[in-house]
């Protein structure tokens, strides 16, 4: 991801905790699978360039999503971490254009294929 010295925090939470973050910071009063808070956006951007931000993952939602997709829970966690990290690097499938969403999805698939090969086999 072109940030070898980058730092991030990862917090694994339950649905209630992620719902609170989603409500309080994003205005969406429901649980979700992953939320990212980028440190290189907004007013404080650039103060500490090595700090990428925070990724919060709901273990409960990840477990449900993994079961529905018939995928291992560990695989879903890795995928959500990757998804959150891409958001920290500026990729956006929600507020961006359709082309930007496709770009994020392609990058996600490219990196996740390496993750699968290196860590999930």
PDB file of N, CA and C in Angstrom:
ATOM      1  N   UNK A   1       0.822  -1.198   0.000  1.00  0.00           N
ATOM      2  CA  UNK A   1       0.000   0.000   0.000  1.00  0.00           C
ATOM      3  C   UNK A   1       0.859   1.252   0.000  1.00  0.00           C
ATOM      4  N   UNK A   2       2.144   1.058  -0.188  1.00  0.00           N
ATOM      5  CA  UNK A   2       3.066   2.174  -0.302  1.00  0.00           C
ATOM      6  C   UNK A   2       3.165   3.018   0.959  1.00  0.00           C
ATOM      7  N   UNK A   3       3.132   2.368   2.095  1.00  0.00           N
ATOM      8  CA  UNK A   3       3.308   3.077   3.367  1.00  0.00           C
ATOM      9  C   UNK A   3       4.020   2.148   4.352  1.00  0.00           C
ATOM     10  N   UNK A   4       5.266   1.777   4.041  1.00  0.00           N
ATOM     11  CA  UNK A   4       5.959   0.780   4.866  1.00  0.00           C
ATOM     12  C   UNK A   4       6.167   1.194   6.320  1.00  0.00           C
ATOM     13  N   UNK A   5       6.206   2.474   6.605  1.00  0.00           N
ATOM     14  CA  UNK A   5       6.389   2.940   7.976  1.00  0.00           C
ATOM     15  C   UNK A   5       5.092   3.424   8.600  1.00  0.00           C
ATOM     16  N   UNK A   6       3.990   3.186   7.912  1.00  0.00           N
ATOM     17  CA  UNK A   6       2.695   3.658   8.401  1.00  0.00           C
ATOM     18  C   UNK A   6       2.247   2.896   9.635  1.00  0.00           C
ATOM     19  N   UNK A   7       1.559   3.604  10.518  1.00  0.00           N
ATOM     20  CA  UNK A   7       1.030   3.009  11.744  1.00  0.00           C
ATOM     21  C   UNK A   7      -0.483   3.161  11.754  1.00  0.00           C
ATOM     22  N   UNK A   8      -1.147   2.151  12.289  1.00  0.00           N
ATOM     23  CA  UNK A   8      -2.583   2.236  12.449  1.00  0.00           C
ATOM     24  C   UNK A   8      -2.969   1.466  13.693  1.00  0.00           C
ATOM     25  N   UNK A   9      -4.129   1.786  14.211  1.00  0.00           N
ATOM     26  CA  UNK A   9      -4.647   1.002  15.323  1.00  0.00           C
ATOM     27  C   UNK A   9      -5.831   0.207  14.803  1.00  0.00           C
ATOM     28  N   UNK A  10      -5.982  -0.987  15.344  1.00  0.00           N
ATOM     29  CA  UNK A  10      -7.083  -1.868  14.965  1.00  0.00           C
ATOM     30  C   UNK A  10      -7.816  -2.227  16.240  1.00  0.00           C
ATOM     31  N   UNK A  11      -9.112  -2.034  16.210  1.00  0.00           N
ATOM     32  CA  UNK A  11      -9.941  -2.348  17.365  1.00  0.00           C
ATOM     33  C   UNK A  11     -11.040  -3.302  16.914  1.00  0.00           C
ATOM     34  N   UNK A  12     -11.088  -4.475  17.541  1.00  0.00           N
ATOM     35  CA  UNK A  12     -12.136  -5.450  17.276  1.00  0.00           C
ATOM     36  C   UNK A  12     -13.200  -5.258  18.347  1.00  0.00           C
ATOM     37  N   UNK A  13     -14.427  -4.978  17.914  1.00  0.00           N
ATOM     38  CA  UNK A  13     -15.514  -4.640  18.837  1.00  0.00           C
ATOM     39  C   UNK A  13     -16.726  -5.522  18.550  1.00  0.00           C
ATOM     40  N   UNK A  14     -17.774  -5.337  19.353  1.00  0.00           N
ATOM     41  CA  UNK A  14     -19.029  -6.033  19.088  1.00  0.00           C
ATOM     42  C   UNK A  14     -19.976  -5.097  18.338  1.00  0.00           C
ATOM     43  N   UNK A  15     -21.144  -5.592  17.976  1.00  0.00           N
ATOM     44  CA  UNK A  15     -22.093  -4.790  17.202  1.00  0.00           C
ATOM     45  C   UNK A  15     -22.540  -3.533  17.940  1.00  0.00           C
ATOM     46  N   UNK A  16     -22.750  -3.630  19.237  1.00  0.00           N
ATOM     47  CA  UNK A  16     -23.207  -2.468  19.997  1.00  0.00           C
ATOM     48  C   UNK A  16     -22.149  -1.365  19.996  1.00  0.00           C
ATOM     49  N   UNK A  17     -20.902  -1.748  20.168  1.00  0.00           N
ATOM     50  CA  UNK A  17     -19.835  -0.746  20.180  1.00  0.00           C
ATOM     51  C   UNK A  17     -19.680  -0.071  18.824  1.00  0.00           C
ATOM     52  N   UNK A  18     -19.708  -0.865  17.755  1.00  0.00           N
ATOM     53  CA  UNK A  18     -19.531  -0.246  16.436  1.00  0.00           C
ATOM     54  C   UNK A  18     -20.752   0.584  16.066  1.00  0.00           C
ATOM     55  N   UNK A  19     -21.939   0.180  16.543  1.00  0.00           N
ATOM     56  CA  UNK A  19     -23.142   0.978  16.317  1.00  0.00           C
ATOM     57  C   UNK A  19     -22.989   2.353  16.951  1.00  0.00           C
ATOM     58  N   UNK A  20     -22.429   2.404  18.147  1.00  0.00           N
ATOM     59  CA  UNK A  20     -22.222   3.682  18.829  1.00  0.00           C
ATOM     60  C   UNK A  20     -21.269   4.584  18.048  1.00  0.00           C
ATOM     61  N   UNK A  21     -20.171   4.022  17.562  1.00  0.00           N
ATOM     62  CA  UNK A  21     -19.239   4.811  16.747  1.00  0.00           C
ATOM     63  C   UNK A  21     -19.922   5.270  15.466  1.00  0.00           C
ATOM     64  N   UNK A  22     -20.645   4.378  14.822  1.00  0.00           N
ATOM     65  CA  UNK A  22     -21.333   4.700  13.579  1.00  0.00           C
ATOM     66  C   UNK A  22     -22.354   5.814  13.805  1.00  0.00           C
ATOM     67  N   UNK A  23     -23.070   5.748  14.905  1.00  0.00           N
ATOM     68  CA  UNK A  23     -24.063   6.776  15.247  1.00  0.00           C
ATOM     69  C   UNK A  23     -23.386   8.102  15.586  1.00  0.00           C
ATOM     70  N   UNK A  24     -22.419   8.034  16.501  1.00  0.00           N
ATOM     71  CA  UNK A  24     -21.819   9.266  17.024  1.00  0.00           C
ATOM     72  C   UNK A  24     -20.949   9.999  16.016  1.00  0.00           C
ATOM     73  N   UNK A  25     -20.261   9.274  15.145  1.00  0.00           N
ATOM     74  CA  UNK A  25     -19.321   9.916  14.232  1.00  0.00           C
ATOM     75  C   UNK A  25     -19.798   9.984  12.790  1.00  0.00           C
ATOM     76  N   UNK A  26     -20.686   9.073  12.396  1.00  0.00           N
ATOM     77  CA  UNK A  26     -21.120   9.044  11.002  1.00  0.00           C
ATOM     78  C   UNK A  26     -22.615   9.273  10.830  1.00  0.00           C
ATOM     79  N   UNK A  27     -23.330   9.405  11.946  1.00  0.00           N
ATOM     80  CA  UNK A  27     -24.756   9.691  11.877  1.00  0.00           C
ATOM     81  C   UNK A  27     -25.618   8.536  11.415  1.00  0.00           C
ATOM     82  N   UNK A  28     -25.117   7.319  11.521  1.00  0.00           N
ATOM     83  CA  UNK A  28     -25.864   6.127  11.099  1.00  0.00           C
ATOM     84  C   UNK A  28     -26.072   5.232  12.317  1.00  0.00           C
ATOM     85  N   UNK A  29     -27.279   5.169  12.812  1.00  0.00           N
ATOM     86  CA  UNK A  29     -27.563   4.450  14.063  1.00  0.00           C
ATOM     87  C   UNK A  29     -27.835   2.968  13.807  1.00  0.00           C
ATOM     88  N   UNK A  30     -26.779   2.278  13.382  1.00  0.00           N
ATOM     89  CA  UNK A  30     -26.868   0.840  13.134  1.00  0.00           C
ATOM     90  C   UNK A  30     -25.455   0.253  13.151  1.00  0.00           C
ATOM     91  N   UNK A  31     -25.347  -1.025  13.428  1.00  0.00           N
ATOM     92  CA  UNK A  31     -24.021  -1.646  13.354  1.00  0.00           C
ATOM     93  C   UNK A  31     -23.574  -1.761  11.896  1.00  0.00           C
ATOM     94  N   UNK A  32     -22.299  -1.870  11.716  1.00  0.00           N
ATOM     95  CA  UNK A  32     -21.713  -2.073  10.391  1.00  0.00           C
ATOM     96  C   UNK A  32     -20.523  -3.003  10.567  1.00  0.00           C
ATOM     97  N   UNK A  33     -19.898  -3.407   9.487  1.00  0.00           N
ATOM     98  CA  UNK A  33     -18.796  -4.358   9.615  1.00  0.00           C
ATOM     99  C   UNK A  33     -17.456  -3.684   9.916  1.00  0.00           C
ATOM    100  N   UNK A  34     -17.197  -2.519   9.309  1.00  0.00           N
ATOM    101  CA  UNK A  34     -15.904  -1.858   9.511  1.00  0.00           C
ATOM    102  C   UNK A  34     -16.075  -0.341   9.380  1.00  0.00           C
ATOM    103  N   UNK A  35     -15.339   0.380  10.194  1.00  0.00           N
ATOM    104  CA  UNK A  35     -15.282   1.845  10.127  1.00  0.00           C
ATOM    105  C   UNK A  35     -13.815   2.253  10.194  1.00  0.00           C
ATOM    106  N   UNK A  36     -13.456   3.225   9.377  1.00  0.00           N
ATOM    107  CA  UNK A  36     -12.084   3.746   9.385  1.00  0.00           C
ATOM    108  C   UNK A  36     -12.104   5.227   9.712  1.00  0.00           C
ATOM    109  N   UNK A  37     -11.136   5.633  10.514  1.00  0.00           N
ATOM    110  CA  UNK A  37     -10.946   7.044  10.843  1.00  0.00           C
ATOM    111  C   UNK A  37      -9.529   7.422  10.413  1.00  0.00           C
ATOM    112  N   UNK A  38      -9.435   8.155   9.318  1.00  0.00           N
ATOM    113  CA  UNK A  38      -8.137   8.511   8.751  1.00  0.00           C
ATOM    114  C   UNK A  38      -7.511   9.689   9.490  1.00  0.00           C
ATOM    115  N   UNK A  39      -6.244   9.574   9.778  1.00  0.00           N
ATOM    116  CA  UNK A  39      -5.502  10.656  10.432  1.00  0.00           C
ATOM    117  C   UNK A  39      -4.893  11.623   9.413  1.00  0.00           C
ATOM    118  N   UNK A  40      -4.906  11.251   8.145  1.00  0.00           N
ATOM    119  CA  UNK A  40      -4.296  12.104   7.132  1.00  0.00           C
ATOM    120  C   UNK A  40      -5.336  12.879   6.336  1.00  0.00           C
ATOM    121  N   UNK A  41      -6.505  13.068   6.928  1.00  0.00           N
ATOM    122  CA  UNK A  41      -7.554  13.879   6.319  1.00  0.00           C
ATOM    123  C   UNK A  41      -7.963  14.959   7.309  1.00  0.00           C
ATOM    124  N   UNK A  42      -8.468  16.036   6.809  1.00  0.00           N
ATOM    125  CA  UNK A  42      -9.006  17.068   7.678  1.00  0.00           C
ATOM    126  C   UNK A  42      -7.955  17.986   8.268  1.00  0.00           C
ATOM    127  N   UNK A  43      -8.329  18.625   9.355  1.00  0.00           N
ATOM    128  CA  UNK A  43      -7.547  19.685   9.973  1.00  0.00           C
ATOM    129  C   UNK A  43      -6.152  19.255  10.433  1.00  0.00           C
ATOM    130  N   UNK A  44      -6.019  18.060  10.989  1.00  0.00           N
ATOM    131  CA  UNK A  44      -4.731  17.622  11.519  1.00  0.00           C
ATOM    132  C   UNK A  44      -3.869  16.847  10.545  1.00  0.00           C
ATOM    133  N   UNK A  45      -4.280  16.762   9.297  1.00  0.00           N
ATOM    134  CA  UNK A  45      -3.522  15.990   8.308  1.00  0.00           C
ATOM    135  C   UNK A  45      -2.086  16.494   8.199  1.00  0.00           C
ATOM    136  N   UNK A  46      -1.173  15.572   8.153  1.00  0.00           N
ATOM    137  CA  UNK A  46       0.225  15.918   7.966  1.00  0.00           C
ATOM    138  C   UNK A  46       0.992  16.165   9.242  1.00  0.00           C
ATOM    139  N   UNK A  47       0.310  16.277  10.382  1.00  0.00           N
ATOM    140  CA  UNK A  47       1.008  16.529  11.646  1.00  0.00           C
ATOM    141  C   UNK A  47       1.929  15.350  11.985  1.00  0.00           C
ATOM    142  N   UNK A  48       1.428  14.155  11.822  1.00  0.00           N
ATOM    143  CA  UNK A  48       2.219  12.941  12.055  1.00  0.00           C
ATOM    144  C   UNK A  48       1.995  12.021  10.857  1.00  0.00           C
ATOM    145  N   UNK A  49       2.756  12.202   9.778  1.00  0.00           N
ATOM    146  CA  UNK A  49       2.495  11.502   8.523  1.00  0.00           C
ATOM    147  C   UNK A  49       2.544   9.978   8.615  1.00  0.00           C
ATOM    148  N   UNK A  50       3.222   9.424   9.607  1.00  0.00           N
ATOM    149  CA  UNK A  50       3.282   7.977   9.734  1.00  0.00           C
ATOM    150  C   UNK A  50       1.990   7.392  10.308  1.00  0.00           C
ATOM    151  N   UNK A  51       1.156   8.215  10.956  1.00  0.00           N
ATOM    152  CA  UNK A  51      -0.100   7.739  11.541  1.00  0.00           C
ATOM    153  C   UNK A  51      -1.185   7.706  10.483  1.00  0.00           C
ATOM    154  N   UNK A  52      -1.594   6.503  10.101  1.00  0.00           N
ATOM    155  CA  UNK A  52      -2.620   6.356   9.077  1.00  0.00           C
ATOM    156  C   UNK A  52      -4.012   6.547   9.651  1.00  0.00           C
ATOM    157  N   UNK A  53      -4.259   6.007  10.841  1.00  0.00           N
ATOM    158  CA  UNK A  53      -5.571   6.154  11.462  1.00  0.00           C
ATOM    159  C   UNK A  53      -5.992   4.918  12.211  1.00  0.00           C
ATOM    160  N   UNK A  54      -7.318   4.780  12.375  1.00  0.00           N
ATOM    161  CA  UNK A  54      -7.902   3.700  13.159  1.00  0.00           C
ATOM    162  C   UNK A  54      -8.866   2.895  12.301  1.00  0.00           C
ATOM    163  N   UNK A  55      -8.861   1.592  12.504  1.00  0.00           N
ATOM    164  CA  UNK A  55      -9.812   0.698  11.852  1.00  0.00           C
ATOM    165  C   UNK A  55     -10.554  -0.048  12.946  1.00  0.00           C
ATOM    166  N   UNK A  56     -11.874   0.060  12.941  1.00  0.00           N
ATOM    167  CA  UNK A  56     -12.736  -0.662  13.887  1.00  0.00           C
ATOM    168  C   UNK A  56     -13.477  -1.738  13.114  1.00  0.00           C
ATOM    169  N   UNK A  57     -13.472  -2.954  13.632  1.00  0.00           N
ATOM    170  CA  UNK A  57     -14.139  -4.081  12.981  1.00  0.00           C
ATOM    171  C   UNK A  57     -15.093  -4.710  13.980  1.00  0.00           C
ATOM    172  N   UNK A  58     -16.334  -4.935  13.557  1.00  0.00           N
ATOM    173  CA  UNK A  58     -17.282  -5.652  14.399  1.00  0.00           C
ATOM    174  C   UNK A  58     -17.102  -7.148  14.185  1.00  0.00           C
ATOM    175  N   UNK A  59     -16.679  -7.842  15.225  1.00  0.00           N
ATOM    176  CA  UNK A  59     -16.500  -9.294  15.140  1.00  0.00           C
ATOM    177  C   UNK A  59     -17.832  -9.991  14.898  1.00  0.00           C
ATOM    178  N   UNK A  60     -18.898  -9.463  15.505  1.00  0.00           N
ATOM    179  CA  UNK A  60     -20.215 -10.090  15.338  1.00  0.00           C
ATOM    180  C   UNK A  60     -20.696  -9.984  13.893  1.00  0.00           C
ATOM    181  N   UNK A  61     -20.600  -8.805  13.316  1.00  0.00           N
ATOM    182  CA  UNK A  61     -21.018  -8.634  11.928  1.00  0.00           C
ATOM    183  C   UNK A  61     -20.118  -9.434  11.002  1.00  0.00           C
ATOM    184  N   UNK A  62     -18.814  -9.433  11.274  1.00  0.00           N
ATOM    185  CA  UNK A  62     -17.876 -10.209  10.457  1.00  0.00           C
ATOM    186  C   UNK A  62     -18.225 -11.694  10.496  1.00  0.00           C
ATOM    187  N   UNK A  63     -18.591 -12.195  11.654  1.00  0.00           N
ATOM    188  CA  UNK A  63     -18.953 -13.615  11.777  1.00  0.00           C
ATOM    189  C   UNK A  63     -20.208 -13.929  10.968  1.00  0.00           C
ATOM    190  N   UNK A  64     -21.195 -13.047  11.028  1.00  0.00           N
ATOM    191  CA  UNK A  64     -22.423 -13.253  10.241  1.00  0.00           C
ATOM    192  C   UNK A  64     -22.121 -13.207   8.746  1.00  0.00           C
ATOM    193  N   UNK A  65     -21.352 -12.201   8.344  1.00  0.00           N
ATOM    194  CA  UNK A  65     -21.010 -12.060   6.924  1.00  0.00           C
ATOM    195  C   UNK A  65     -20.229 -13.268   6.426  1.00  0.00           C
ATOM    196  N   UNK A  66     -19.302 -13.751   7.225  1.00  0.00           N
ATOM    197  CA  UNK A  66     -18.508 -14.923   6.845  1.00  0.00           C
ATOM    198  C   UNK A  66     -19.404 -16.153   6.696  1.00  0.00           C
ATOM    199  N   UNK A  67     -20.311 -16.348   7.630  1.00  0.00           N
ATOM    200  CA  UNK A  67     -21.217 -17.496   7.566  1.00  0.00           C
ATOM    201  C   UNK A  67     -22.106 -17.417   6.327  1.00  0.00           C
ATOM    202  N   UNK A  68     -22.634 -16.226   6.039  1.00  0.00           N
ATOM    203  CA  UNK A  68     -23.494 -16.043   4.865  1.00  0.00           C
ATOM    204  C   UNK A  68     -22.744 -16.306   3.564  1.00  0.00           C
ATOM    205  N   UNK A  69     -21.464 -15.952   3.532  1.00  0.00           N
ATOM    206  CA  UNK A  69     -20.647 -16.145   2.328  1.00  0.00           C
ATOM    207  C   UNK A  69     -19.951 -17.500   2.314  1.00  0.00           C
ATOM    208  N   UNK A  70     -20.173 -18.293   3.367  1.00  0.00           N
ATOM    209  CA  UNK A  70     -19.525 -19.601   3.510  1.00  0.00           C
ATOM    210  C   UNK A  70     -17.996 -19.466   3.426  1.00  0.00           C
ATOM    211  N   UNK A  71     -17.493 -18.451   4.133  1.00  0.00           N
ATOM    212  CA  UNK A  71     -16.061 -18.174   4.193  1.00  0.00           C
ATOM    213  C   UNK A  71     -15.577 -18.308   5.632  1.00  0.00           C
ATOM    214  N   UNK A  72     -14.315 -18.612   5.836  1.00  0.00           N
ATOM    215  CA  UNK A  72     -13.788 -18.660   7.206  1.00  0.00           C
ATOM    216  C   UNK A  72     -13.823 -17.269   7.863  1.00  0.00           C
ATOM    217  N   UNK A  73     -14.098 -17.254   9.149  1.00  0.00           N
ATOM    218  CA  UNK A  73     -14.138 -16.009   9.915  1.00  0.00           C
ATOM    219  C   UNK A  73     -12.829 -15.242   9.778  1.00  0.00           C
ATOM    220  N   UNK A  74     -11.693 -15.945   9.874  1.00  0.00           N
ATOM    221  CA  UNK A  74     -10.382 -15.299   9.768  1.00  0.00           C
ATOM    222  C   UNK A  74     -10.234 -14.579   8.426  1.00  0.00           C
ATOM    223  N   UNK A  75     -10.715 -15.197   7.359  1.00  0.00           N
ATOM    224  CA  UNK A  75     -10.647 -14.583   6.041  1.00  0.00           C
ATOM    225  C   UNK A  75     -11.442 -13.286   6.010  1.00  0.00           C
ATOM    226  N   UNK A  76     -12.624 -13.293   6.623  1.00  0.00           N
ATOM    227  CA  UNK A  76     -13.456 -12.089   6.664  1.00  0.00           C
ATOM    228  C   UNK A  76     -12.765 -10.977   7.458  1.00  0.00           C
ATOM    229  N   UNK A  77     -12.118 -11.335   8.558  1.00  0.00           N
ATOM    230  CA  UNK A  77     -11.392 -10.321   9.339  1.00  0.00           C
ATOM    231  C   UNK A  77     -10.270  -9.693   8.523  1.00  0.00           C
ATOM    232  N   UNK A  78      -9.493 -10.517   7.838  1.00  0.00           N
ATOM    233  CA  UNK A  78      -8.428  -9.989   6.993  1.00  0.00           C
ATOM    234  C   UNK A  78      -9.001  -9.066   5.918  1.00  0.00           C
ATOM    235  N   UNK A  79     -10.099  -9.490   5.300  1.00  0.00           N
ATOM    236  CA  UNK A  79     -10.702  -8.679   4.250  1.00  0.00           C
ATOM    237  C   UNK A  79     -11.173  -7.334   4.795  1.00  0.00           C
ATOM    238  N   UNK A  80     -11.831  -7.349   5.940  1.00  0.00           N
ATOM    239  CA  UNK A  80     -12.324  -6.096   6.519  1.00  0.00           C
ATOM    240  C   UNK A  80     -11.175  -5.181   6.932  1.00  0.00           C
ATOM    241  N   UNK A  81     -10.098  -5.761   7.448  1.00  0.00           N
ATOM    242  CA  UNK A  81      -8.926  -4.953   7.780  1.00  0.00           C
ATOM    243  C   UNK A  81      -8.365  -4.300   6.517  1.00  0.00           C
ATOM    244  N   UNK A  82      -8.235  -5.073   5.466  1.00  0.00           N
ATOM    245  CA  UNK A  82      -7.756  -4.529   4.195  1.00  0.00           C
ATOM    246  C   UNK A  82      -8.684  -3.423   3.696  1.00  0.00           C
ATOM    247  N   UNK A  83      -9.978  -3.671   3.745  1.00  0.00           N
ATOM    248  CA  UNK A  83     -10.961  -2.676   3.302  1.00  0.00           C
ATOM    249  C   UNK A  83     -10.798  -1.371   4.097  1.00  0.00           C
ATOM    250  N   UNK A  84     -10.676  -1.506   5.405  1.00  0.00           N
ATOM    251  CA  UNK A  84     -10.482  -0.330   6.249  1.00  0.00           C
ATOM    252  C   UNK A  84      -9.184   0.392   5.950  1.00  0.00           C
ATOM    253  N   UNK A  85      -8.124  -0.363   5.704  1.00  0.00           N
ATOM    254  CA  UNK A  85      -6.837   0.250   5.394  1.00  0.00           C
ATOM    255  C   UNK A  85      -6.890   1.005   4.066  1.00  0.00           C
ATOM    256  N   UNK A  86      -7.596   0.467   3.094  1.00  0.00           N
ATOM    257  CA  UNK A  86      -7.732   1.189   1.825  1.00  0.00           C
ATOM    258  C   UNK A  86      -8.449   2.520   2.036  1.00  0.00           C
ATOM    259  N   UNK A  87      -9.448   2.529   2.903  1.00  0.00           N
ATOM    260  CA  UNK A  87     -10.104   3.802   3.228  1.00  0.00           C
ATOM    261  C   UNK A  87      -9.100   4.774   3.842  1.00  0.00           C
ATOM    262  N   UNK A  88      -8.226   4.275   4.717  1.00  0.00           N
ATOM    263  CA  UNK A  88      -7.226   5.148   5.334  1.00  0.00           C
ATOM    264  C   UNK A  88      -6.270   5.734   4.298  1.00  0.00           C
ATOM    265  N   UNK A  89      -6.085   5.018   3.201  1.00  0.00           N
ATOM    266  CA  UNK A  89      -5.192   5.479   2.135  1.00  0.00           C
ATOM    267  C   UNK A  89      -5.915   6.336   1.096  1.00  0.00           C
ATOM    268  N   UNK A  90      -7.192   6.652   1.362  1.00  0.00           N
ATOM    269  CA  UNK A  90      -7.904   7.582   0.501  1.00  0.00           C
ATOM    270  C   UNK A  90      -8.875   6.961  -0.487  1.00  0.00           C
ATOM    271  N   UNK A  91      -8.954   5.649  -0.530  1.00  0.00           N
ATOM    272  CA  UNK A  91      -9.931   5.007  -1.413  1.00  0.00           C
ATOM    273  C   UNK A  91     -11.326   5.166  -0.811  1.00  0.00           C
ATOM    274  N   UNK A  92     -12.313   5.417  -1.686  1.00  0.00           N
ATOM    275  CA  UNK A  92     -13.666   5.628  -1.177  1.00  0.00           C
ATOM    276  C   UNK A  92     -14.683   5.102  -2.175  1.00  0.00           C
ATOM    277  N   UNK A  93     -15.417   4.087  -1.776  1.00  0.00           N
ATOM    278  CA  UNK A  93     -16.436   3.498  -2.644  1.00  0.00           C
ATOM    279  C   UNK A  93     -17.814   4.082  -2.351  1.00  0.00           C
ATOM    280  N   UNK A  94     -17.946   4.839  -1.272  1.00  0.00           N
ATOM    281  CA  UNK A  94     -19.254   5.363  -0.880  1.00  0.00           C
ATOM    282  C   UNK A  94     -19.495   6.784  -1.375  1.00  0.00           C
ATOM    283  N   UNK A  95     -18.535   7.651  -1.195  1.00  0.00           N
ATOM    284  CA  UNK A  95     -18.716   9.061  -1.563  1.00  0.00           C
ATOM    285  C   UNK A  95     -18.085   9.406  -2.897  1.00  0.00           C
ATOM    286  N   UNK A  96     -17.302   8.484  -3.437  1.00  0.00           N
ATOM    287  CA  UNK A  96     -16.627   8.755  -4.698  1.00  0.00           C
ATOM    288  C   UNK A  96     -17.489   8.413  -5.896  1.00  0.00           C
ATOM    289  N   UNK A  97     -16.880   8.500  -7.057  1.00  0.00           N
ATOM    290  CA  UNK A  97     -17.562   8.179  -8.310  1.00  0.00           C
ATOM    291  C   UNK A  97     -17.595   6.664  -8.500  1.00  0.00           C
ATOM    292  N   UNK A  98     -18.339   6.232  -9.498  1.00  0.00           N
ATOM    293  CA  UNK A  98     -18.385   4.805  -9.832  1.00  0.00           C
ATOM    294  C   UNK A  98     -16.995   4.310 -10.228  1.00  0.00           C
ATOM    295  N   UNK A  99     -16.234   5.136 -10.937  1.00  0.00           N
ATOM    296  CA  UNK A  99     -14.868   4.756 -11.314  1.00  0.00           C
ATOM    297  C   UNK A  99     -13.980   4.584 -10.081  1.00  0.00           C
ATOM    298  N   UNK A 100     -14.142   5.465  -9.102  1.00  0.00           N
ATOM    299  CA  UNK A 100     -13.352   5.356  -7.873  1.00  0.00           C
ATOM    300  C   UNK A 100     -13.746   4.098  -7.088  1.00  0.00           C
ATOM    301  N   UNK A 101     -15.010   3.773  -7.087  1.00  0.00           N
ATOM    302  CA  UNK A 101     -15.468   2.553  -6.413  1.00  0.00           C
ATOM    303  C   UNK A 101     -14.869   1.327  -7.093  1.00  0.00           C
ATOM    304  N   UNK A 102     -14.854   1.316  -8.429  1.00  0.00           N
ATOM    305  CA  UNK A 102     -14.245   0.194  -9.161  1.00  0.00           C
ATOM    306  C   UNK A 102     -12.746   0.116  -8.892  1.00  0.00           C
ATOM    307  N   UNK A 103     -12.099   1.268  -8.830  1.00  0.00           N
ATOM    308  CA  UNK A 103     -10.659   1.297  -8.550  1.00  0.00           C
ATOM    309  C   UNK A 103     -10.376   0.693  -7.176  1.00  0.00           C
ATOM    310  N   UNK A 104     -11.194   1.054  -6.200  1.00  0.00           N
ATOM    311  CA  UNK A 104     -11.014   0.495  -4.856  1.00  0.00           C
ATOM    312  C   UNK A 104     -11.235  -1.006  -4.874  1.00  0.00           C
ATOM    313  N   UNK A 105     -12.276  -1.450  -5.539  1.00  0.00           N
ATOM    314  CA  UNK A 105     -12.569  -2.884  -5.596  1.00  0.00           C
ATOM    315  C   UNK A 105     -11.446  -3.656  -6.276  1.00  0.00           C
ATOM    316  N   UNK A 106     -10.903  -3.123  -7.353  1.00  0.00           N
ATOM    317  CA  UNK A 106      -9.787  -3.783  -8.046  1.00  0.00           C
ATOM    318  C   UNK A 106      -8.561  -3.879  -7.146  1.00  0.00           C
ATOM    319  N   UNK A 107      -8.251  -2.779  -6.467  1.00  0.00           N
ATOM    320  CA  UNK A 107      -7.092  -2.765  -5.555  1.00  0.00           C
ATOM    321  C   UNK A 107      -7.305  -3.753  -4.421  1.00  0.00           C
ATOM    322  N   UNK A 108      -8.531  -3.795  -3.904  1.00  0.00           N
ATOM    323  CA  UNK A 108      -8.897  -4.718  -2.834  1.00  0.00           C
ATOM    324  C   UNK A 108      -8.692  -6.167  -3.283  1.00  0.00           C
ATOM    325  N   UNK A 109      -9.175  -6.498  -4.467  1.00  0.00           N
ATOM    326  CA  UNK A 109      -9.031  -7.858  -4.981  1.00  0.00           C
ATOM    327  C   UNK A 109      -7.570  -8.211  -5.213  1.00  0.00           C
ATOM    328  N   UNK A 110      -6.823  -7.257  -5.746  1.00  0.00           N
ATOM    329  CA  UNK A 110      -5.396  -7.472  -6.014  1.00  0.00           C
ATOM    330  C   UNK A 110      -4.642  -7.790  -4.724  1.00  0.00           C
ATOM    331  N   UNK A 111      -4.842  -6.971  -3.712  1.00  0.00           N
ATOM    332  CA  UNK A 111      -4.125  -7.175  -2.445  1.00  0.00           C
ATOM    333  C   UNK A 111      -4.646  -8.400  -1.718  1.00  0.00           C
ATOM    334  N   UNK A 112      -5.959  -8.615  -1.725  1.00  0.00           N
ATOM    335  CA  UNK A 112      -6.520  -9.748  -0.987  1.00  0.00           C
ATOM    336  C   UNK A 112      -6.081 -11.074  -1.585  1.00  0.00           C
ATOM    337  N   UNK A 113      -5.820 -11.124  -2.875  1.00  0.00           N
ATOM    338  CA  UNK A 113      -5.311 -12.370  -3.461  1.00  0.00           C
ATOM    339  C   UNK A 113      -3.937 -12.705  -2.883  1.00  0.00           C
ATOM    340  N   UNK A 114      -3.137 -11.692  -2.620  1.00  0.00           N
ATOM    341  CA  UNK A 114      -1.821 -11.906  -1.984  1.00  0.00           C
ATOM    342  C   UNK A 114      -2.014 -12.343  -0.530  1.00  0.00           C
ATOM    343  N   UNK A 115      -2.925 -11.687   0.175  1.00  0.00           N
ATOM    344  CA  UNK A 115      -3.207 -12.049   1.571  1.00  0.00           C
ATOM    345  C   UNK A 115      -3.644 -13.513   1.660  1.00  0.00           C
ATOM    346  N   UNK A 116      -4.560 -13.906   0.771  1.00  0.00           N
ATOM    347  CA  UNK A 116      -5.028 -15.309   0.764  1.00  0.00           C
ATOM    348  C   UNK A 116      -3.870 -16.269   0.576  1.00  0.00           C
ATOM    349  N   UNK A 117      -3.034 -15.967  -0.407  1.00  0.00           N
ATOM    350  CA  UNK A 117      -1.909 -16.851  -0.742  1.00  0.00           C
ATOM    351  C   UNK A 117      -0.885 -16.911   0.401  1.00  0.00           C
ATOM    352  N   UNK A 118      -0.597 -15.767   1.005  1.00  0.00           N
ATOM    353  CA  UNK A 118       0.468 -15.691   2.013  1.00  0.00           C
ATOM    354  C   UNK A 118       0.030 -16.039   3.428  1.00  0.00           C
ATOM    355  N   UNK A 119      -1.221 -15.744   3.767  1.00  0.00           N
ATOM    356  CA  UNK A 119      -1.628 -15.864   5.166  1.00  0.00           C
ATOM    357  C   UNK A 119      -2.799 -16.801   5.424  1.00  0.00           C
ATOM    358  N   UNK A 120      -3.552 -17.145   4.393  1.00  0.00           N
ATOM    359  CA  UNK A 120      -4.775 -17.911   4.623  1.00  0.00           C
ATOM    360  C   UNK A 120      -4.744 -19.299   3.999  1.00  0.00           C
ATOM    361  N   UNK A 121      -3.564 -19.794   3.668  1.00  0.00           N
ATOM    362  CA  UNK A 121      -3.487 -21.136   3.095  1.00  0.00           C
ATOM    363  C   UNK A 121      -2.825 -22.102   4.037  1.00  0.00           C
TER     364      UNK A 121
END
